[in-house]
Amino acid sequence: MGYNPSNIKAFQQYLEERYGDIKTLNRKWRSHYASFAAVTPPDDKYIHPPKAASGLAYEFERWQRVNLARFVAKVRTFLREGAPRVPIMADPSSFLANMNGYIAYKEAYRGYSKLSP
């Protein structure tokens, strides 16, 4: 989750998964991107706060939360496979407490299928 090349690519793939084609994204965002590869994350909100809400800013925030939920779901799966008789407890740290629980459960049980826009 962030701004390095692999995360930018993952964000672009998420947008393609979510919207299906660039025309749909452009229609919903009222934008003019030539491709998903042309979409880059917004500036860091803590360094350059946005002046107005945008589809890009919203989807980048959502992607970070979905990405975290997918990571936690994978860790849970690996733990269950590696130690099936060991109970798995939720981590009460603020790292997980700030995550959207609805998205976590949705991702864990949908098998990472296409998200509805």
PDB file of N, CA and C in Angstrom:
ATOM      1  N   MET A   1       0.858  -1.168   0.000  1.00  0.00           N
ATOM      2  CA  MET A   1       0.000   0.000   0.000  1.00  0.00           C
ATOM      3  C   MET A   1       0.899   1.224   0.000  1.00  0.00           C
ATOM      4  N   GLY A   2       0.906   1.929  -1.101  1.00  0.00           N
ATOM      5  CA  GLY A   2       1.727   3.117  -1.147  1.00  0.00           C
ATOM      6  C   GLY A   2       2.017   3.549  -2.557  1.00  0.00           C
ATOM      7  N   TYR A   3       3.217   4.076  -2.744  1.00  0.00           N
ATOM      8  CA  TYR A   3       3.545   4.754  -3.982  1.00  0.00           C
ATOM      9  C   TYR A   3       4.700   4.132  -4.756  1.00  0.00           C
ATOM     10  N   ASN A   4       5.190   2.978  -4.355  1.00  0.00           N
ATOM     11  CA  ASN A   4       6.276   2.359  -5.116  1.00  0.00           C
ATOM     12  C   ASN A   4       5.711   1.716  -6.390  1.00  0.00           C
ATOM     13  N   PRO A   5       6.580   1.396  -7.366  1.00  0.00           N
ATOM     14  CA  PRO A   5       6.085   0.886  -8.659  1.00  0.00           C
ATOM     15  C   PRO A   5       5.172  -0.338  -8.564  1.00  0.00           C
ATOM     16  N   SER A   6       5.485  -1.290  -7.691  1.00  0.00           N
ATOM     17  CA  SER A   6       4.627  -2.480  -7.610  1.00  0.00           C
ATOM     18  C   SER A   6       3.252  -2.144  -7.035  1.00  0.00           C
ATOM     19  N   ASN A   7       3.192  -1.197  -6.121  1.00  0.00           N
ATOM     20  CA  ASN A   7       1.896  -0.799  -5.568  1.00  0.00           C
ATOM     21  C   ASN A   7       1.087   0.025  -6.554  1.00  0.00           C
ATOM     22  N   ILE A   8       1.747   0.845  -7.339  1.00  0.00           N
ATOM     23  CA  ILE A   8       1.035   1.602  -8.365  1.00  0.00           C
ATOM     24  C   ILE A   8       0.421   0.631  -9.367  1.00  0.00           C
ATOM     25  N   LYS A   9       1.183  -0.386  -9.771  1.00  0.00           N
ATOM     26  CA  LYS A   9       0.667  -1.402 -10.701  1.00  0.00           C
ATOM     27  C   LYS A   9      -0.513  -2.146 -10.064  1.00  0.00           C
ATOM     28  N   ALA A  10      -0.388  -2.501  -8.786  1.00  0.00           N
ATOM     29  CA  ALA A  10      -1.475  -3.201  -8.087  1.00  0.00           C
ATOM     30  C   ALA A  10      -2.726  -2.318  -8.015  1.00  0.00           C
ATOM     31  N   PHE A  11      -2.549  -1.024  -7.795  1.00  0.00           N
ATOM     32  CA  PHE A  11      -3.683  -0.094  -7.773  1.00  0.00           C
ATOM     33  C   PHE A  11      -4.360  -0.057  -9.141  1.00  0.00           C
ATOM     34  N   GLN A  12      -3.573   0.004 -10.192  1.00  0.00           N
ATOM     35  CA  GLN A  12      -4.125   0.019 -11.546  1.00  0.00           C
ATOM     36  C   GLN A  12      -4.879  -1.278 -11.850  1.00  0.00           C
ATOM     37  N   GLN A  13      -4.339  -2.398 -11.411  1.00  0.00           N
ATOM     38  CA  GLN A  13      -5.022  -3.686 -11.609  1.00  0.00           C
ATOM     39  C   GLN A  13      -6.335  -3.731 -10.827  1.00  0.00           C
ATOM     40  N   TYR A  14      -6.328  -3.177  -9.623  1.00  0.00           N
ATOM     41  CA  TYR A  14      -7.543  -3.103  -8.818  1.00  0.00           C
ATOM     42  C   TYR A  14      -8.615  -2.287  -9.551  1.00  0.00           C
ATOM     43  N   LEU A  15      -8.219  -1.159 -10.130  1.00  0.00           N
ATOM     44  CA  LEU A  15      -9.177  -0.335 -10.861  1.00  0.00           C
ATOM     45  C   LEU A  15      -9.761  -1.094 -12.046  1.00  0.00           C
ATOM     46  N   GLU A  16      -8.913  -1.831 -12.744  1.00  0.00           N
ATOM     47  CA  GLU A  16      -9.408  -2.615 -13.871  1.00  0.00           C
ATOM     48  C   GLU A  16     -10.355  -3.716 -13.395  1.00  0.00           C
ATOM     49  N   GLU A  17     -10.009  -4.340 -12.278  1.00  0.00           N
ATOM     50  CA  GLU A  17     -10.882  -5.369 -11.687  1.00  0.00           C
ATOM     51  C   GLU A  17     -12.222  -4.757 -11.279  1.00  0.00           C
ATOM     52  N   ARG A  18     -12.180  -3.585 -10.725  1.00  0.00           N
ATOM     53  CA  ARG A  18     -13.380  -2.938 -10.199  1.00  0.00           C
ATOM     54  C   ARG A  18     -14.270  -2.356 -11.303  1.00  0.00           C
ATOM     55  N   TYR A  19     -13.672  -1.728 -12.297  1.00  0.00           N
ATOM     56  CA  TYR A  19     -14.456  -1.034 -13.329  1.00  0.00           C
ATOM     57  C   TYR A  19     -14.591  -1.808 -14.639  1.00  0.00           C
ATOM     58  N   GLY A  20     -13.705  -2.750 -14.892  1.00  0.00           N
ATOM     59  CA  GLY A  20     -13.812  -3.569 -16.089  1.00  0.00           C
ATOM     60  C   GLY A  20     -13.177  -2.961 -17.318  1.00  0.00           C
ATOM     61  N   ASP A  21     -13.456  -1.704 -17.592  1.00  0.00           N
ATOM     62  CA  ASP A  21     -12.831  -1.036 -18.740  1.00  0.00           C
ATOM     63  C   ASP A  21     -12.658   0.444 -18.418  1.00  0.00           C
ATOM     64  N   ILE A  22     -11.737   1.066 -19.129  1.00  0.00           N
ATOM     65  CA  ILE A  22     -11.389   2.460 -18.836  1.00  0.00           C
ATOM     66  C   ILE A  22     -12.544   3.411 -19.153  1.00  0.00           C
ATOM     67  N   LYS A  23     -13.387   3.053 -20.104  1.00  0.00           N
ATOM     68  CA  LYS A  23     -14.537   3.911 -20.432  1.00  0.00           C
ATOM     69  C   LYS A  23     -15.484   4.037 -19.238  1.00  0.00           C
ATOM     70  N   THR A  24     -15.702   2.934 -18.546  1.00  0.00           N
ATOM     71  CA  THR A  24     -16.580   2.964 -17.369  1.00  0.00           C
ATOM     72  C   THR A  24     -15.977   3.844 -16.280  1.00  0.00           C
ATOM     73  N   LEU A  25     -14.679   3.675 -16.023  1.00  0.00           N
ATOM     74  CA  LEU A  25     -14.015   4.511 -15.016  1.00  0.00           C
ATOM     75  C   LEU A  25     -14.141   5.983 -15.406  1.00  0.00           C
ATOM     76  N   ASN A  26     -13.831   6.313 -16.639  1.00  0.00           N
ATOM     77  CA  ASN A  26     -13.900   7.709 -17.078  1.00  0.00           C
ATOM     78  C   ASN A  26     -15.310   8.281 -16.962  1.00  0.00           C
ATOM     79  N   ARG A  27     -16.304   7.482 -17.281  1.00  0.00           N
ATOM     80  CA  ARG A  27     -17.689   7.954 -17.172  1.00  0.00           C
ATOM     81  C   ARG A  27     -18.043   8.245 -15.723  1.00  0.00           C
ATOM     82  N   LYS A  28     -17.683   7.333 -14.827  1.00  0.00           N
ATOM     83  CA  LYS A  28     -18.039   7.505 -13.412  1.00  0.00           C
ATOM     84  C   LYS A  28     -17.223   8.607 -12.737  1.00  0.00           C
ATOM     85  N   TRP A  29     -15.982   8.765 -13.154  1.00  0.00           N
ATOM     86  CA  TRP A  29     -15.121   9.780 -12.545  1.00  0.00           C
ATOM     87  C   TRP A  29     -15.173  11.113 -13.289  1.00  0.00           C
ATOM     88  N   ARG A  30     -15.818  11.116 -14.454  1.00  0.00           N
ATOM     89  CA  ARG A  30     -15.809  12.302 -15.318  1.00  0.00           C
ATOM     90  C   ARG A  30     -14.372  12.701 -15.635  1.00  0.00           C
ATOM     91  N   SER A  31     -13.616  11.707 -16.096  1.00  0.00           N
ATOM     92  CA  SER A  31     -12.198  11.899 -16.402  1.00  0.00           C
ATOM     93  C   SER A  31     -11.915  11.464 -17.833  1.00  0.00           C
ATOM     94  N   HIS A  32     -10.652  11.525 -18.223  1.00  0.00           N
ATOM     95  CA  HIS A  32     -10.275  11.234 -19.610  1.00  0.00           C
ATOM     96  C   HIS A  32      -8.988  10.413 -19.674  1.00  0.00           C
ATOM     97  N   TYR A  33      -8.859   9.389 -18.868  1.00  0.00           N
ATOM     98  CA  TYR A  33      -7.658   8.547 -18.902  1.00  0.00           C
ATOM     99  C   TYR A  33      -7.668   7.693 -20.166  1.00  0.00           C
ATOM    100  N   ALA A  34      -6.485   7.525 -20.771  1.00  0.00           N
ATOM    101  CA  ALA A  34      -6.368   6.711 -21.983  1.00  0.00           C
ATOM    102  C   ALA A  34      -6.377   5.223 -21.649  1.00  0.00           C
ATOM    103  N   SER A  35      -5.906   4.865 -20.459  1.00  0.00           N
ATOM    104  CA  SER A  35      -5.834   3.462 -20.039  1.00  0.00           C
ATOM    105  C   SER A  35      -5.703   3.410 -18.522  1.00  0.00           C
ATOM    106  N   PHE A  36      -5.824   2.209 -17.960  1.00  0.00           N
ATOM    107  CA  PHE A  36      -5.613   2.066 -16.518  1.00  0.00           C
ATOM    108  C   PHE A  36      -4.168   2.374 -16.151  1.00  0.00           C
ATOM    109  N   ALA A  37      -3.240   2.084 -17.055  1.00  0.00           N
ATOM    110  CA  ALA A  37      -1.816   2.366 -16.808  1.00  0.00           C
ATOM    111  C   ALA A  37      -1.554   3.867 -16.676  1.00  0.00           C
ATOM    112  N   ALA A  38      -2.440   4.690 -17.196  1.00  0.00           N
ATOM    113  CA  ALA A  38      -2.278   6.142 -17.102  1.00  0.00           C
ATOM    114  C   ALA A  38      -2.748   6.701 -15.756  1.00  0.00           C
ATOM    115  N   VAL A  39      -3.476   5.898 -14.982  1.00  0.00           N
ATOM    116  CA  VAL A  39      -3.984   6.348 -13.686  1.00  0.00           C
ATOM    117  C   VAL A  39      -2.898   6.151 -12.636  1.00  0.00           C
ATOM    118  N   THR A  40      -2.515   7.218 -11.981  1.00  0.00           N
ATOM    119  CA  THR A  40      -1.535   7.121 -10.901  1.00  0.00           C
ATOM    120  C   THR A  40      -2.192   7.584  -9.606  1.00  0.00           C
ATOM    121  N   PRO A  41      -1.709   7.094  -8.466  1.00  0.00           N
ATOM    122  CA  PRO A  41      -2.315   7.479  -7.189  1.00  0.00           C
ATOM    123  C   PRO A  41      -2.274   8.991  -6.974  1.00  0.00           C
ATOM    124  N   PRO A  42      -3.206   9.491  -6.184  1.00  0.00           N
ATOM    125  CA  PRO A  42      -3.182  10.921  -5.857  1.00  0.00           C
ATOM    126  C   PRO A  42      -1.989  11.235  -4.968  1.00  0.00           C
ATOM    127  N   ASP A  43      -1.678  12.505  -4.840  1.00  0.00           N
ATOM    128  CA  ASP A  43      -0.615  12.912  -3.920  1.00  0.00           C
ATOM    129  C   ASP A  43      -0.943  12.418  -2.517  1.00  0.00           C
ATOM    130  N   ASP A  44       0.096  12.213  -1.733  1.00  0.00           N
ATOM    131  CA  ASP A  44      -0.085  11.791  -0.341  1.00  0.00           C
ATOM    132  C   ASP A  44      -0.959  12.830   0.374  1.00  0.00           C
ATOM    133  N   LYS A  45      -2.061  12.377   0.932  1.00  0.00           N
ATOM    134  CA  LYS A  45      -3.031  13.301   1.545  1.00  0.00           C
ATOM    135  C   LYS A  45      -2.474  14.036   2.756  1.00  0.00           C
ATOM    136  N   TYR A  46      -1.412  13.501   3.367  1.00  0.00           N
ATOM    137  CA  TYR A  46      -0.828  14.171   4.523  1.00  0.00           C
ATOM    138  C   TYR A  46       0.175  15.243   4.109  1.00  0.00           C
ATOM    139  N   ILE A  47       0.714  15.122   2.908  1.00  0.00           N
ATOM    140  CA  ILE A  47       1.667  16.113   2.409  1.00  0.00           C
ATOM    141  C   ILE A  47       0.948  17.191   1.600  1.00  0.00           C
ATOM    142  N   HIS A  48       0.030  16.754   0.727  1.00  0.00           N
ATOM    143  CA  HIS A  48      -0.749  17.667  -0.111  1.00  0.00           C
ATOM    144  C   HIS A  48      -2.227  17.317   0.018  1.00  0.00           C
ATOM    145  N   PRO A  49      -2.911  17.838   1.036  1.00  0.00           N
ATOM    146  CA  PRO A  49      -4.337  17.518   1.186  1.00  0.00           C
ATOM    147  C   PRO A  49      -5.125  17.912  -0.065  1.00  0.00           C
ATOM    148  N   PRO A  50      -6.052  17.050  -0.494  1.00  0.00           N
ATOM    149  CA  PRO A  50      -6.831  17.382  -1.692  1.00  0.00           C
ATOM    150  C   PRO A  50      -7.742  18.584  -1.446  1.00  0.00           C
ATOM    151  N   LYS A  51      -7.942  19.359  -2.485  1.00  0.00           N
ATOM    152  CA  LYS A  51      -8.824  20.525  -2.382  1.00  0.00           C
ATOM    153  C   LYS A  51     -10.285  20.127  -2.530  1.00  0.00           C
ATOM    154  N   ALA A  52     -10.520  19.007  -3.207  1.00  0.00           N
ATOM    155  CA  ALA A  52     -11.890  18.530  -3.420  1.00  0.00           C
ATOM    156  C   ALA A  52     -11.876  17.007  -3.492  1.00  0.00           C
ATOM    157  N   ALA A  53     -13.015  16.425  -3.203  1.00  0.00           N
ATOM    158  CA  ALA A  53     -13.140  14.967  -3.299  1.00  0.00           C
ATOM    159  C   ALA A  53     -13.073  14.561  -4.770  1.00  0.00           C
ATOM    160  N   SER A  54     -12.537  13.366  -5.021  1.00  0.00           N
ATOM    161  CA  SER A  54     -12.467  12.878  -6.400  1.00  0.00           C
ATOM    162  C   SER A  54     -12.585  11.363  -6.405  1.00  0.00           C
ATOM    163  N   GLY A  55     -12.948  10.814  -7.555  1.00  0.00           N
ATOM    164  CA  GLY A  55     -12.994   9.358  -7.698  1.00  0.00           C
ATOM    165  C   GLY A  55     -11.642   8.744  -7.448  1.00  0.00           C
ATOM    166  N   LEU A  56     -10.591   9.409  -7.921  1.00  0.00           N
ATOM    167  CA  LEU A  56      -9.237   8.899  -7.723  1.00  0.00           C
ATOM    168  C   LEU A  56      -8.892   8.797  -6.241  1.00  0.00           C
ATOM    169  N   ALA A  57      -9.126   9.868  -5.498  1.00  0.00           N
ATOM    170  CA  ALA A  57      -8.807   9.857  -4.063  1.00  0.00           C
ATOM    171  C   ALA A  57      -9.633   8.807  -3.322  1.00  0.00           C
ATOM    172  N   TYR A  58     -10.928   8.725  -3.647  1.00  0.00           N
ATOM    173  CA  TYR A  58     -11.802   7.744  -3.005  1.00  0.00           C
ATOM    174  C   TYR A  58     -11.324   6.324  -3.288  1.00  0.00           C
ATOM    175  N   GLU A  59     -11.063   6.022  -4.562  1.00  0.00           N
ATOM    176  CA  GLU A  59     -10.666   4.661  -4.922  1.00  0.00           C
ATOM    177  C   GLU A  59      -9.297   4.296  -4.374  1.00  0.00           C
ATOM    178  N   PHE A  60      -8.393   5.268  -4.264  1.00  0.00           N
ATOM    179  CA  PHE A  60      -7.081   4.965  -3.685  1.00  0.00           C
ATOM    180  C   PHE A  60      -7.231   4.600  -2.211  1.00  0.00           C
ATOM    181  N   GLU A  61      -8.053   5.346  -1.491  1.00  0.00           N
ATOM    182  CA  GLU A  61      -8.312   5.013  -0.081  1.00  0.00           C
ATOM    183  C   GLU A  61      -8.963   3.636   0.026  1.00  0.00           C
ATOM    184  N   ARG A  62      -9.955   3.382  -0.814  1.00  0.00           N
ATOM    185  CA  ARG A  62     -10.657   2.094  -0.782  1.00  0.00           C
ATOM    186  C   ARG A  62      -9.705   0.959  -1.129  1.00  0.00           C
ATOM    187  N   TRP A  63      -8.864   1.163  -2.145  1.00  0.00           N
ATOM    188  CA  TRP A  63      -7.900   0.137  -2.544  1.00  0.00           C
ATOM    189  C   TRP A  63      -6.961  -0.208  -1.392  1.00  0.00           C
ATOM    190  N   GLN A  64      -6.512   0.785  -0.650  1.00  0.00           N
ATOM    191  CA  GLN A  64      -5.626   0.509   0.479  1.00  0.00           C
ATOM    192  C   GLN A  64      -6.328  -0.370   1.512  1.00  0.00           C
ATOM    193  N   ARG A  65      -7.584  -0.105   1.769  1.00  0.00           N
ATOM    194  CA  ARG A  65      -8.336  -0.903   2.743  1.00  0.00           C
ATOM    195  C   ARG A  65      -8.606  -2.319   2.214  1.00  0.00           C
ATOM    196  N   VAL A  66      -8.977  -2.425   0.953  1.00  0.00           N
ATOM    197  CA  VAL A  66      -9.221  -3.731   0.343  1.00  0.00           C
ATOM    198  C   VAL A  66      -7.927  -4.532   0.316  1.00  0.00           C
ATOM    199  N   ASN A  67      -6.830  -3.887  -0.022  1.00  0.00           N
ATOM    200  CA  ASN A  67      -5.536  -4.554  -0.074  1.00  0.00           C
ATOM    201  C   ASN A  67      -5.157  -5.110   1.303  1.00  0.00           C
ATOM    202  N   LEU A  68      -5.375  -4.316   2.343  1.00  0.00           N
ATOM    203  CA  LEU A  68      -5.093  -4.771   3.701  1.00  0.00           C
ATOM    204  C   LEU A  68      -5.999  -5.944   4.069  1.00  0.00           C
ATOM    205  N   ALA A  69      -7.269  -5.865   3.719  1.00  0.00           N
ATOM    206  CA  ALA A  69      -8.202  -6.955   4.019  1.00  0.00           C
ATOM    207  C   ALA A  69      -7.783  -8.233   3.304  1.00  0.00           C
ATOM    208  N   ARG A  70      -7.350  -8.117   2.059  1.00  0.00           N
ATOM    209  CA  ARG A  70      -6.899  -9.293   1.316  1.00  0.00           C
ATOM    210  C   ARG A  70      -5.648  -9.891   1.947  1.00  0.00           C
ATOM    211  N   PHE A  71      -4.746  -9.037   2.398  1.00  0.00           N
ATOM    212  CA  PHE A  71      -3.527  -9.511   3.060  1.00  0.00           C
ATOM    213  C   PHE A  71      -3.873 -10.270   4.344  1.00  0.00           C
ATOM    214  N   VAL A  72      -4.740  -9.698   5.157  1.00  0.00           N
ATOM    215  CA  VAL A  72      -5.130 -10.349   6.413  1.00  0.00           C
ATOM    216  C   VAL A  72      -5.840 -11.671   6.122  1.00  0.00           C
ATOM    217  N   ALA A  73      -6.682 -11.717   5.111  1.00  0.00           N
ATOM    218  CA  ALA A  73      -7.370 -12.961   4.745  1.00  0.00           C
ATOM    219  C   ALA A  73      -6.362 -14.029   4.309  1.00  0.00           C
ATOM    220  N   LYS A  74      -5.332 -13.625   3.556  1.00  0.00           N
ATOM    221  CA  LYS A  74      -4.304 -14.585   3.135  1.00  0.00           C
ATOM    222  C   LYS A  74      -3.522 -15.107   4.328  1.00  0.00           C
ATOM    223  N   VAL A  75      -3.164 -14.221   5.246  1.00  0.00           N
ATOM    224  CA  VAL A  75      -2.435 -14.644   6.448  1.00  0.00           C
ATOM    225  C   VAL A  75      -3.279 -15.635   7.221  1.00  0.00           C
ATOM    226  N   ARG A  76      -4.549 -15.344   7.370  1.00  0.00           N
ATOM    227  CA  ARG A  76      -5.455 -16.255   8.088  1.00  0.00           C
ATOM    228  C   ARG A  76      -5.497 -17.627   7.404  1.00  0.00           C
ATOM    229  N   THR A  77      -5.580 -17.628   6.067  1.00  0.00           N
ATOM    230  CA  THR A  77      -5.599 -18.885   5.313  1.00  0.00           C
ATOM    231  C   THR A  77      -4.310 -19.667   5.521  1.00  0.00           C
ATOM    232  N   PHE A  78      -3.179 -18.988   5.433  1.00  0.00           N
ATOM    233  CA  PHE A  78      -1.885 -19.657   5.628  1.00  0.00           C
ATOM    234  C   PHE A  78      -1.772 -20.234   7.034  1.00  0.00           C
ATOM    235  N   LEU A  79      -2.243 -19.485   8.035  1.00  0.00           N
ATOM    236  CA  LEU A  79      -2.189 -19.980   9.414  1.00  0.00           C
ATOM    237  C   LEU A  79      -3.084 -21.211   9.585  1.00  0.00           C
ATOM    238  N   ARG A  80      -4.252 -21.179   8.997  1.00  0.00           N
ATOM    239  CA  ARG A  80      -5.153 -22.341   9.099  1.00  0.00           C
ATOM    240  C   ARG A  80      -4.575 -23.564   8.419  1.00  0.00           C
ATOM    241  N   GLU A  81      -3.911 -23.351   7.269  1.00  0.00           N
ATOM    242  CA  GLU A  81      -3.306 -24.478   6.560  1.00  0.00           C
ATOM    243  C   GLU A  81      -2.102 -25.025   7.323  1.00  0.00           C
ATOM    244  N   GLY A  82      -1.291 -24.131   7.889  1.00  0.00           N
ATOM    245  CA  GLY A  82      -0.075 -24.553   8.578  1.00  0.00           C
ATOM    246  C   GLY A  82      -0.308 -25.096   9.973  1.00  0.00           C
ATOM    247  N   ALA A  83      -1.338 -24.616  10.636  1.00  0.00           N
ATOM    248  CA  ALA A  83      -1.631 -25.049  12.009  1.00  0.00           C
ATOM    249  C   ALA A  83      -3.141 -25.108  12.193  1.00  0.00           C
ATOM    250  N   PRO A  84      -3.782 -26.117  11.581  1.00  0.00           N
ATOM    251  CA  PRO A  84      -5.248 -26.151  11.586  1.00  0.00           C
ATOM    252  C   PRO A  84      -5.891 -26.288  12.957  1.00  0.00           C
ATOM    253  N   ARG A  85      -5.164 -26.763  13.943  1.00  0.00           N
ATOM    254  CA  ARG A  85      -5.771 -26.962  15.269  1.00  0.00           C
ATOM    255  C   ARG A  85      -5.494 -25.810  16.225  1.00  0.00           C
ATOM    256  N   VAL A  86      -4.760 -24.822  15.770  1.00  0.00           N
ATOM    257  CA  VAL A  86      -4.443 -23.676  16.618  1.00  0.00           C
ATOM    258  C   VAL A  86      -5.477 -22.581  16.357  1.00  0.00           C
ATOM    259  N   PRO A  87      -6.144 -22.115  17.412  1.00  0.00           N
ATOM    260  CA  PRO A  87      -7.144 -21.062  17.220  1.00  0.00           C
ATOM    261  C   PRO A  87      -6.485 -19.770  16.720  1.00  0.00           C
ATOM    262  N   ILE A  88      -7.184 -19.064  15.861  1.00  0.00           N
ATOM    263  CA  ILE A  88      -6.688 -17.790  15.353  1.00  0.00           C
ATOM    264  C   ILE A  88      -7.522 -16.698  15.995  1.00  0.00           C
ATOM    265  N   MET A  89      -6.827 -15.780  16.673  1.00  0.00           N
ATOM    266  CA  MET A  89      -7.525 -14.682  17.338  1.00  0.00           C
ATOM    267  C   MET A  89      -7.305 -13.390  16.568  1.00  0.00           C
ATOM    268  N   ALA A  90      -8.233 -12.490  16.707  1.00  0.00           N
ATOM    269  CA  ALA A  90      -8.095 -11.170  16.086  1.00  0.00           C
ATOM    270  C   ALA A  90      -7.012 -10.383  16.801  1.00  0.00           C
ATOM    271  N   ASP A  91      -6.286  -9.597  16.062  1.00  0.00           N
ATOM    272  CA  ASP A  91      -5.263  -8.729  16.624  1.00  0.00           C
ATOM    273  C   ASP A  91      -5.918  -7.417  17.032  1.00  0.00           C
ATOM    274  N   PRO A  92      -5.885  -7.076  18.317  1.00  0.00           N
ATOM    275  CA  PRO A  92      -6.557  -5.846  18.738  1.00  0.00           C
ATOM    276  C   PRO A  92      -5.739  -4.579  18.488  1.00  0.00           C
ATOM    277  N   SER A  93      -4.622  -4.690  17.788  1.00  0.00           N
ATOM    278  CA  SER A  93      -3.795  -3.506  17.559  1.00  0.00           C
ATOM    279  C   SER A  93      -4.546  -2.493  16.701  1.00  0.00           C
ATOM    280  N   SER A  94      -4.077  -1.274  16.739  1.00  0.00           N
ATOM    281  CA  SER A  94      -4.748  -0.229  15.958  1.00  0.00           C
ATOM    282  C   SER A  94      -4.595  -0.488  14.466  1.00  0.00           C
ATOM    283  N   PHE A  95      -3.565  -1.233  14.065  1.00  0.00           N
ATOM    284  CA  PHE A  95      -3.374  -1.569  12.651  1.00  0.00           C
ATOM    285  C   PHE A  95      -4.601  -2.286  12.117  1.00  0.00           C
ATOM    286  N   LEU A  96      -5.119  -3.239  12.846  1.00  0.00           N
ATOM    287  CA  LEU A  96      -6.302  -3.966  12.395  1.00  0.00           C
ATOM    288  C   LEU A  96      -7.600  -3.321  12.874  1.00  0.00           C
ATOM    289  N   ALA A  97      -7.552  -2.620  13.987  1.00  0.00           N
ATOM    290  CA  ALA A  97      -8.762  -1.996  14.511  1.00  0.00           C
ATOM    291  C   ALA A  97      -9.280  -0.915  13.574  1.00  0.00           C
ATOM    292  N   ASN A  98      -8.396  -0.283  12.822  1.00  0.00           N
ATOM    293  CA  ASN A  98      -8.811   0.785  11.913  1.00  0.00           C
ATOM    294  C   ASN A  98      -9.259   0.263  10.558  1.00  0.00           C
ATOM    295  N   MET A  99      -9.174  -1.034  10.356  1.00  0.00           N
ATOM    296  CA  MET A  99      -9.563  -1.617   9.079  1.00  0.00           C
ATOM    297  C   MET A  99     -11.085  -1.762   9.010  1.00  0.00           C
ATOM    298  N   ASN A 100     -11.629  -1.676   7.833  1.00  0.00           N
ATOM    299  CA  ASN A 100     -13.057  -1.837   7.629  1.00  0.00           C
ATOM    300  C   ASN A 100     -13.401  -3.322   7.735  1.00  0.00           C
ATOM    301  N   GLY A 101     -14.063  -3.735   8.803  1.00  0.00           N
ATOM    302  CA  GLY A 101     -14.397  -5.140   9.028  1.00  0.00           C
ATOM    303  C   GLY A 101     -15.298  -5.726   7.966  1.00  0.00           C
ATOM    304  N   TYR A 102     -16.219  -4.918   7.462  1.00  0.00           N
ATOM    305  CA  TYR A 102     -17.115  -5.405   6.403  1.00  0.00           C
ATOM    306  C   TYR A 102     -16.307  -5.847   5.192  1.00  0.00           C
ATOM    307  N   ILE A 103     -15.356  -5.031   4.765  1.00  0.00           N
ATOM    308  CA  ILE A 103     -14.532  -5.385   3.611  1.00  0.00           C
ATOM    309  C   ILE A 103     -13.705  -6.633   3.921  1.00  0.00           C
ATOM    310  N   ALA A 104     -13.181  -6.754   5.138  1.00  0.00           N
ATOM    311  CA  ALA A 104     -12.375  -7.921   5.498  1.00  0.00           C
ATOM    312  C   ALA A 104     -13.178  -9.203   5.344  1.00  0.00           C
ATOM    313  N   TYR A 105     -14.384  -9.226   5.876  1.00  0.00           N
ATOM    314  CA  TYR A 105     -15.198 -10.436   5.772  1.00  0.00           C
ATOM    315  C   TYR A 105     -15.644 -10.675   4.337  1.00  0.00           C
ATOM    316  N   LYS A 106     -16.002  -9.610   3.637  1.00  0.00           N
ATOM    317  CA  LYS A 106     -16.427  -9.728   2.243  1.00  0.00           C
ATOM    318  C   LYS A 106     -15.309 -10.339   1.409  1.00  0.00           C
ATOM    319  N   GLU A 107     -14.079  -9.868   1.595  1.00  0.00           N
ATOM    320  CA  GLU A 107     -12.941 -10.378   0.834  1.00  0.00           C
ATOM    321  C   GLU A 107     -12.630 -11.820   1.224  1.00  0.00           C
ATOM    322  N   ALA A 108     -12.704 -12.133   2.492  1.00  0.00           N
ATOM    323  CA  ALA A 108     -12.356 -13.475   2.949  1.00  0.00           C
ATOM    324  C   ALA A 108     -13.312 -14.527   2.384  1.00  0.00           C
ATOM    325  N   TYR A 109     -14.562 -14.171   2.201  1.00  0.00           N
ATOM    326  CA  TYR A 109     -15.547 -15.159   1.784  1.00  0.00           C
ATOM    327  C   TYR A 109     -15.907 -15.093   0.302  1.00  0.00           C
ATOM    328  N   ARG A 110     -15.476 -14.056  -0.387  1.00  0.00           N
ATOM    329  CA  ARG A 110     -15.785 -13.949  -1.813  1.00  0.00           C
ATOM    330  C   ARG A 110     -14.667 -14.539  -2.663  1.00  0.00           C
ATOM    331  N   GLY A 111     -13.542 -14.889  -2.055  1.00  0.00           N
ATOM    332  CA  GLY A 111     -12.455 -15.470  -2.828  1.00  0.00           C
ATOM    333  C   GLY A 111     -11.824 -14.489  -3.782  1.00  0.00           C
ATOM    334  N   TYR A 112     -11.787 -13.199  -3.389  1.00  0.00           N
ATOM    335  CA  TYR A 112     -11.138 -12.160  -4.168  1.00  0.00           C
ATOM    336  C   TYR A 112     -11.784 -11.970  -5.535  1.00  0.00           C
ATOM    337  N   SER A 113     -13.067 -12.201  -5.615  1.00  0.00           N
ATOM    338  CA  SER A 113     -13.769 -12.025  -6.892  1.00  0.00           C
ATOM    339  C   SER A 113     -13.930 -10.541  -7.188  1.00  0.00           C
ATOM    340  N   LYS A 114     -14.429 -10.226  -8.353  1.00  0.00           N
ATOM    341  CA  LYS A 114     -14.611  -8.853  -8.785  1.00  0.00           C
ATOM    342  C   LYS A 114     -15.489  -8.101  -7.789  1.00  0.00           C
ATOM    343  N   LEU A 115     -15.056  -6.912  -7.441  1.00  0.00           N
ATOM    344  CA  LEU A 115     -15.818  -6.086  -6.532  1.00  0.00           C
ATOM    345  C   LEU A 115     -16.877  -5.324  -7.309  1.00  0.00           C
ATOM    346  N   SER A 116     -18.030  -5.169  -6.731  1.00  0.00           N
ATOM    347  CA  SER A 116     -19.083  -4.436  -7.442  1.00  0.00           C
ATOM    348  C   SER A 116     -18.810  -2.938  -7.331  1.00  0.00           C
ATOM    349  N   PRO A 117     -18.895  -2.214  -8.455  1.00  0.00           N
ATOM    350  CA  PRO A 117     -18.632  -0.760  -8.418  1.00  0.00           C
ATOM    351  C   PRO A 117     -19.725  -0.002  -7.684  1.00  0.00           C
TER     352      PRO A 117
END
